Amino acid sequence: SIEYAKLKNPRRLVWMKQLGTVELEVEAYEEDDDGNIVSHVKEVSCTPAHATLLAHFEDKGEWTSDELANSTEMPGDMVRKRMGFWVNQRVVETTRSGEDTVYSLISVSEADANNDQSFQHDDEDQEQAVSIGAHEEEEMKVYESYIFGMLSNLGQLPLERIHSMLKTFVAGSDHKYDKTPQQLAIFLQQLCKEEKLEF
């Protein structure tokens, strides 16, 4: 990115490590038509953060939410939300240990023994995780009309000006604008790729 900044001054590359999609093959346990728990391998599309959390289970079969938060340097509530995705995918199960949540990989014997408990999803403890990249993109779509209006009325604008104007104009609407300039830049690039904007 340093070389790019020298070559294309004043532009620079900012790596957004939390964006992107990872395709994984995971072993999940679900009920068949007869009510038996069966194992099957399925392909799952998730964010790098979800994949990072699941990869920790290769080293150790059981993790608390605090341990995962410390190991990944993610906030605890974000860990619980993202682990909820793997619970819903029937890859990981949760148990309570005092105030903390314990996550462990599901085995077929445990799935049979804990059929009723393993797959009950407690909405208070585990929110359903949505792919963060896709969710952010969906949120940004709300601001499209604001951006188109700005650029059609005022012509070309620098990124910082668009960012500050969005913070001002969107403040009074139902959708609060709380994105970073980097997130806005990625969204504007996407609009250019879709040929909705000219670079």
C-alpha atoms as a PDB file:
ATOM      1  CA  SER A   1       0.000   0.000   0.000  1.00  0.00           C
ATOM      2  CA  ILE A   2       3.005   2.328   0.566  1.00  0.00           C
ATOM      3  CA  GLU A   3       4.185   1.776  -3.005  1.00  0.00           C
ATOM      4  CA  TYR A   4       0.644   2.366  -4.301  1.00  0.00           C
ATOM      5  CA  ALA A   5       0.469   5.661  -2.351  1.00  0.00           C
ATOM      6  CA  LYS A   6       3.757   6.767  -3.945  1.00  0.00           C
ATOM      7  CA  LEU A   7       2.589   5.768  -7.411  1.00  0.00           C
ATOM      8  CA  LYS A   8      -0.978   7.117  -7.156  1.00  0.00           C
ATOM      9  CA  ASN A   9      -0.546  10.044  -4.734  1.00  0.00           C
ATOM     10  CA  PRO A  10      -2.829  11.210  -3.010  1.00  0.00           C
ATOM     11  CA  ARG A  11      -4.693   7.882  -3.218  1.00  0.00           C
ATOM     12  CA  ARG A  12      -3.895   5.047  -0.839  1.00  0.00           C
ATOM     13  CA  LEU A  13      -4.931   1.468  -0.215  1.00  0.00           C
ATOM     14  CA  VAL A  14      -6.643   0.635   3.054  1.00  0.00           C
ATOM     15  CA  TRP A  15      -6.989  -3.097   3.709  1.00  0.00           C
ATOM     16  CA  MET A  16     -10.428  -3.891   5.112  1.00  0.00           C
ATOM     17  CA  LYS A  17      -9.688  -7.244   6.734  1.00  0.00           C
ATOM     18  CA  GLN A  18     -13.219  -7.651   8.090  1.00  0.00           C
ATOM     19  CA  LEU A  19     -14.765  -7.572   4.599  1.00  0.00           C
ATOM     20  CA  GLY A  20     -14.951 -10.430   2.147  1.00  0.00           C
ATOM     21  CA  THR A  21     -16.447 -13.896   2.068  1.00  0.00           C
ATOM     22  CA  VAL A  22     -15.048 -17.263   3.093  1.00  0.00           C
ATOM     23  CA  GLU A  23     -16.419 -20.534   1.711  1.00  0.00           C
ATOM     24  CA  LEU A  24     -16.147 -23.367   4.246  1.00  0.00           C
ATOM     25  CA  GLU A  25     -17.142 -27.015   4.334  1.00  0.00           C
ATOM     26  CA  VAL A  26     -18.429 -27.802   7.833  1.00  0.00           C
ATOM     27  CA  GLU A  27     -19.897 -30.846   9.522  1.00  0.00           C
ATOM     28  CA  ALA A  28     -23.381 -30.131  10.849  1.00  0.00           C
ATOM     29  CA  TYR A  29     -25.904 -32.218  12.777  1.00  0.00           C
ATOM     30  CA  GLU A  30     -29.608 -32.021  11.988  1.00  0.00           C
ATOM     31  CA  GLU A  31     -32.746 -34.095  12.408  1.00  0.00           C
ATOM     32  CA  ASP A  32     -33.876 -36.260   9.505  1.00  0.00           C
ATOM     33  CA  ASP A  33     -37.522 -37.037   8.684  1.00  0.00           C
ATOM     34  CA  ASP A  34     -37.601 -39.836  11.279  1.00  0.00           C
ATOM     35  CA  GLY A  35     -36.362 -37.586  14.080  1.00  0.00           C
ATOM     36  CA  ASN A  36     -32.857 -39.091  14.159  1.00  0.00           C
ATOM     37  CA  ILE A  37     -29.807 -36.837  14.411  1.00  0.00           C
ATOM     38  CA  VAL A  38     -27.620 -37.246  11.334  1.00  0.00           C
ATOM     39  CA  SER A  39     -24.274 -35.733  10.388  1.00  0.00           C
ATOM     40  CA  HIS A  40     -23.683 -34.159   7.008  1.00  0.00           C
ATOM     41  CA  VAL A  41     -21.114 -31.895   5.397  1.00  0.00           C
ATOM     42  CA  LYS A  42     -22.400 -28.636   3.968  1.00  0.00           C
ATOM     43  CA  GLU A  43     -20.882 -25.577   2.347  1.00  0.00           C
ATOM     44  CA  VAL A  44     -21.278 -22.344   4.278  1.00  0.00           C
ATOM     45  CA  SER A  45     -20.537 -18.815   3.101  1.00  0.00           C
ATOM     46  CA  CYS A  46     -19.466 -16.533   5.956  1.00  0.00           C
ATOM     47  CA  THR A  47     -17.304 -13.538   6.828  1.00  0.00           C
ATOM     48  CA  PRO A  48     -13.607 -13.833   7.769  1.00  0.00           C
ATOM     49  CA  ALA A  49     -14.578 -13.076  11.395  1.00  0.00           C
ATOM     50  CA  HIS A  50     -16.962 -16.059  11.506  1.00  0.00           C
ATOM     51  CA  ALA A  51     -14.298 -18.299   9.933  1.00  0.00           C
ATOM     52  CA  THR A  52     -11.668 -17.087  12.419  1.00  0.00           C
ATOM     53  CA  LEU A  53     -13.869 -17.972  15.366  1.00  0.00           C
ATOM     54  CA  LEU A  54     -14.617 -21.460  14.021  1.00  0.00           C
ATOM     55  CA  ALA A  55     -10.919 -22.077  13.249  1.00  0.00           C
ATOM     56  CA  HIS A  56     -10.156 -21.787  16.971  1.00  0.00           C
ATOM     57  CA  PHE A  57     -11.969 -25.092  17.518  1.00  0.00           C
ATOM     58  CA  GLU A  58      -9.240 -26.919  15.586  1.00  0.00           C
ATOM     59  CA  ASP A  59      -6.880 -26.256  18.517  1.00  0.00           C
ATOM     60  CA  LYS A  60      -9.362 -26.811  21.333  1.00  0.00           C
ATOM     61  CA  GLY A  61     -12.842 -28.365  21.344  1.00  0.00           C
ATOM     62  CA  GLU A  62     -14.347 -26.006  23.936  1.00  0.00           C
ATOM     63  CA  TRP A  63     -14.112 -22.234  24.348  1.00  0.00           C
ATOM     64  CA  THR A  64     -15.856 -19.674  26.552  1.00  0.00           C
ATOM     65  CA  SER A  65     -17.024 -16.423  24.978  1.00  0.00           C
ATOM     66  CA  ASP A  66     -14.446 -14.530  27.081  1.00  0.00           C
ATOM     67  CA  GLU A  67     -11.614 -16.772  25.852  1.00  0.00           C
ATOM     68  CA  LEU A  68     -12.668 -16.257  22.229  1.00  0.00           C
ATOM     69  CA  ALA A  69     -12.947 -12.503  22.781  1.00  0.00           C
ATOM     70  CA  ASN A  70      -9.414 -12.365  24.255  1.00  0.00           C
ATOM     71  CA  SER A  71      -7.941 -14.600  21.570  1.00  0.00           C
ATOM     72  CA  THR A  72      -9.524 -12.763  18.615  1.00  0.00           C
ATOM     73  CA  GLU A  73      -9.509  -9.267  20.177  1.00  0.00           C
ATOM     74  CA  MET A  74     -13.208  -8.915  19.319  1.00  0.00           C
ATOM     75  CA  PRO A  75     -15.716  -7.413  21.766  1.00  0.00           C
ATOM     76  CA  GLY A  76     -17.580 -10.055  23.769  1.00  0.00           C
ATOM     77  CA  ASP A  77     -21.022  -9.132  22.398  1.00  0.00           C
ATOM     78  CA  MET A  78     -19.695  -9.414  18.838  1.00  0.00           C
ATOM     79  CA  VAL A  79     -18.253 -12.863  19.604  1.00  0.00           C
ATOM     80  CA  ARG A  80     -21.614 -14.025  20.996  1.00  0.00           C
ATOM     81  CA  LYS A  81     -23.473 -12.639  17.992  1.00  0.00           C
ATOM     82  CA  ARG A  82     -21.132 -14.252  15.469  1.00  0.00           C
ATOM     83  CA  MET A  83     -21.018 -17.571  17.328  1.00  0.00           C
ATOM     84  CA  GLY A  84     -24.824 -17.548  17.144  1.00  0.00           C
ATOM     85  CA  PHE A  85     -24.351 -18.084  13.407  1.00  0.00           C
ATOM     86  CA  TRP A  86     -22.514 -21.395  14.053  1.00  0.00           C
ATOM     87  CA  VAL A  87     -25.110 -22.436  16.612  1.00  0.00           C
ATOM     88  CA  ASN A  88     -27.830 -21.873  13.998  1.00  0.00           C
ATOM     89  CA  GLN A  89     -25.803 -23.838  11.456  1.00  0.00           C
ATOM     90  CA  ARG A  90     -25.809 -26.799  13.919  1.00  0.00           C
ATOM     91  CA  VAL A  91     -22.002 -26.875  14.042  1.00  0.00           C
ATOM     92  CA  VAL A  92     -21.500 -25.592  17.591  1.00  0.00           C
ATOM     93  CA  GLU A  93     -23.585 -25.956  20.736  1.00  0.00           C
ATOM     94  CA  THR A  94     -23.764 -23.693  23.782  1.00  0.00           C
ATOM     95  CA  THR A  95     -23.906 -24.329  27.499  1.00  0.00           C
ATOM     96  CA  ARG A  96     -23.825 -21.952  30.441  1.00  0.00           C
ATOM     97  CA  SER A  97     -20.965 -21.820  32.929  1.00  0.00           C
ATOM     98  CA  GLY A  98     -21.915 -19.275  35.564  1.00  0.00           C
ATOM     99  CA  GLU A  99     -22.182 -15.919  33.799  1.00  0.00           C
ATOM    100  CA  ASP A 100     -20.227 -17.082  30.749  1.00  0.00           C
ATOM    101  CA  THR A 101     -21.310 -18.993  27.640  1.00  0.00           C
ATOM    102  CA  VAL A 102     -19.326 -22.097  26.660  1.00  0.00           C
ATOM    103  CA  TYR A 103     -19.132 -23.137  23.000  1.00  0.00           C
ATOM    104  CA  SER A 104     -18.196 -26.646  21.881  1.00  0.00           C
ATOM    105  CA  LEU A 105     -18.276 -28.578  18.622  1.00  0.00           C
ATOM    106  CA  ILE A 106     -21.237 -30.920  18.366  1.00  0.00           C
ATOM    107  CA  SER A 107     -20.587 -34.652  18.086  1.00  0.00           C
ATOM    108  CA  VAL A 108     -23.293 -37.107  16.999  1.00  0.00           C
ATOM    109  CA  SER A 109     -23.443 -38.729  20.468  1.00  0.00           C
ATOM    110  CA  GLU A 110     -23.899 -35.350  22.153  1.00  0.00           C
ATOM    111  CA  ALA A 111     -26.464 -34.352  19.537  1.00  0.00           C
ATOM    112  CA  ASP A 112     -28.501 -37.498  20.290  1.00  0.00           C
ATOM    113  CA  ALA A 113     -28.203 -37.078  24.060  1.00  0.00           C
ATOM    114  CA  ASN A 114     -29.042 -33.393  24.032  1.00  0.00           C
ATOM    115  CA  ASN A 115     -31.473 -33.320  21.147  1.00  0.00           C
ATOM    116  CA  ASP A 116     -33.899 -30.951  22.836  1.00  0.00           C
ATOM    117  CA  GLN A 117     -31.294 -28.681  24.396  1.00  0.00           C
ATOM    118  CA  SER A 118     -28.567 -28.481  21.764  1.00  0.00           C
ATOM    119  CA  PHE A 119     -30.694 -26.921  19.089  1.00  0.00           C
ATOM    120  CA  GLN A 120     -32.881 -24.653  21.120  1.00  0.00           C
ATOM    121  CA  HIS A 121     -31.725 -21.159  20.342  1.00  0.00           C
ATOM    122  CA  ASP A 122     -32.015 -18.661  23.200  1.00  0.00           C
ATOM    123  CA  ASP A 123     -32.686 -15.310  21.571  1.00  0.00           C
ATOM    124  CA  GLU A 124     -31.469 -13.394  24.614  1.00  0.00           C
ATOM    125  CA  ASP A 125     -28.093 -15.146  24.684  1.00  0.00           C
ATOM    126  CA  GLN A 126     -27.439 -15.621  20.981  1.00  0.00           C
ATOM    127  CA  GLU A 127     -28.654 -13.223  18.316  1.00  0.00           C
ATOM    128  CA  GLN A 128     -28.828 -14.632  14.849  1.00  0.00           C
ATOM    129  CA  ALA A 129     -25.649 -13.608  13.065  1.00  0.00           C
ATOM    130  CA  VAL A 130     -25.884 -12.176   9.602  1.00  0.00           C
ATOM    131  CA  SER A 131     -22.957 -11.897   7.257  1.00  0.00           C
ATOM    132  CA  ILE A 132     -21.489  -8.561   8.312  1.00  0.00           C
ATOM    133  CA  GLY A 133     -20.267  -7.582   4.870  1.00  0.00           C
ATOM    134  CA  ALA A 134     -23.654  -8.219   3.268  1.00  0.00           C
ATOM    135  CA  HIS A 135     -25.428  -6.501   6.146  1.00  0.00           C
ATOM    136  CA  GLU A 136     -23.273  -3.377   5.831  1.00  0.00           C
ATOM    137  CA  GLU A 137     -23.804  -3.293   2.072  1.00  0.00           C
ATOM    138  CA  GLU A 138     -27.568  -3.477   2.621  1.00  0.00           C
ATOM    139  CA  GLU A 139     -27.357  -0.623   5.132  1.00  0.00           C
ATOM    140  CA  MET A 140     -25.328   1.489   2.713  1.00  0.00           C
ATOM    141  CA  LYS A 141     -27.995   1.069  -0.008  1.00  0.00           C
ATOM    142  CA  VAL A 142     -30.210   3.356   2.108  1.00  0.00           C
ATOM    143  CA  TYR A 143     -27.759   6.212   1.524  1.00  0.00           C
ATOM    144  CA  GLU A 144     -27.670   5.781  -2.273  1.00  0.00           C
ATOM    145  CA  SER A 145     -30.392   8.360  -2.932  1.00  0.00           C
ATOM    146  CA  TYR A 146     -28.638  10.902  -0.675  1.00  0.00           C
ATOM    147  CA  ILE A 147     -25.350  10.377  -2.539  1.00  0.00           C
ATOM    148  CA  PHE A 148     -26.992  10.603  -5.990  1.00  0.00           C
ATOM    149  CA  GLY A 149     -28.796  13.803  -4.952  1.00  0.00           C
ATOM    150  CA  MET A 150     -25.597  15.381  -3.644  1.00  0.00           C
ATOM    151  CA  LEU A 151     -23.542  14.582  -6.725  1.00  0.00           C
ATOM    152  CA  SER A 152     -26.237  15.607  -9.212  1.00  0.00           C
ATOM    153  CA  ASN A 153     -26.736  18.969  -7.444  1.00  0.00           C
ATOM    154  CA  LEU A 154     -23.157  19.782  -6.455  1.00  0.00           C
ATOM    155  CA  GLY A 155     -21.068  17.891  -9.014  1.00  0.00           C
ATOM    156  CA  GLN A 156     -17.870  16.106  -8.016  1.00  0.00           C
ATOM    157  CA  LEU A 157     -17.144  16.112  -4.300  1.00  0.00           C
ATOM    158  CA  PRO A 158     -14.213  14.803  -2.239  1.00  0.00           C
ATOM    159  CA  LEU A 159     -14.840  11.785  -0.060  1.00  0.00           C
ATOM    160  CA  GLU A 160     -14.588  13.743   3.221  1.00  0.00           C
ATOM    161  CA  ARG A 161     -17.234  16.239   2.037  1.00  0.00           C
ATOM    162  CA  ILE A 162     -19.665  13.451   1.071  1.00  0.00           C
ATOM    163  CA  HIS A 163     -18.991  11.802   4.435  1.00  0.00           C
ATOM    164  CA  SER A 164     -19.651  14.983   6.455  1.00  0.00           C
ATOM    165  CA  MET A 165     -22.770  15.851   4.416  1.00  0.00           C
ATOM    166  CA  LEU A 166     -24.204  12.371   4.963  1.00  0.00           C
ATOM    167  CA  LYS A 167     -23.634  12.751   8.713  1.00  0.00           C
ATOM    168  CA  THR A 168     -25.510  16.060   8.590  1.00  0.00           C
ATOM    169  CA  PHE A 169     -28.408  15.144   6.279  1.00  0.00           C
ATOM    170  CA  VAL A 170     -29.115  11.622   7.488  1.00  0.00           C
ATOM    171  CA  ALA A 171     -29.044  12.587  11.186  1.00  0.00           C
ATOM    172  CA  GLY A 172     -32.740  13.515  11.158  1.00  0.00           C
ATOM    173  CA  SER A 173     -33.936  10.377   9.323  1.00  0.00           C
ATOM    174  CA  ASP A 174     -34.800   6.881  10.573  1.00  0.00           C
ATOM    175  CA  HIS A 175     -31.422   5.597   9.352  1.00  0.00           C
ATOM    176  CA  LYS A 176     -28.546   7.028  11.366  1.00  0.00           C
ATOM    177  CA  TYR A 177     -25.320   7.407   9.362  1.00  0.00           C
ATOM    178  CA  ASP A 178     -22.465   5.960  11.439  1.00  0.00           C
ATOM    179  CA  LYS A 179     -20.084   4.667   8.783  1.00  0.00           C
ATOM    180  CA  THR A 180     -16.363   5.404   8.475  1.00  0.00           C
ATOM    181  CA  PRO A 181     -14.858   7.188   5.448  1.00  0.00           C
ATOM    182  CA  GLN A 182     -13.240   3.859   4.456  1.00  0.00           C
ATOM    183  CA  GLN A 183     -16.626   2.094   4.431  1.00  0.00           C
ATOM    184  CA  LEU A 184     -18.065   4.945   2.363  1.00  0.00           C
ATOM    185  CA  ALA A 185     -15.139   4.742  -0.078  1.00  0.00           C
ATOM    186  CA  ILE A 186     -15.724   1.010  -0.589  1.00  0.00           C
ATOM    187  CA  PHE A 187     -19.433   1.626  -1.196  1.00  0.00           C
ATOM    188  CA  LEU A 188     -18.701   4.405  -3.731  1.00  0.00           C
ATOM    189  CA  GLN A 189     -16.283   2.063  -5.540  1.00  0.00           C
ATOM    190  CA  GLN A 190     -19.040  -0.557  -5.656  1.00  0.00           C
ATOM    191  CA  LEU A 191     -21.423   1.994  -7.194  1.00  0.00           C
ATOM    192  CA  CYS A 192     -18.753   2.774  -9.810  1.00  0.00           C
ATOM    193  CA  LYS A 193     -18.383  -0.934 -10.609  1.00  0.00           C
ATOM    194  CA  GLU A 194     -22.151  -1.172 -11.012  1.00  0.00           C
ATOM    195  CA  GLU A 195     -21.865   1.866 -13.344  1.00  0.00           C
ATOM    196  CA  LYS A 196     -24.284   3.877 -11.198  1.00  0.00           C
ATOM    197  CA  LEU A 197     -21.549   6.476 -10.660  1.00  0.00           C
ATOM    198  CA  GLU A 198     -18.647   7.655 -12.782  1.00  0.00           C
ATOM    199  CA  PHE A 199     -15.197   7.745 -11.174  1.00  0.00           C
END
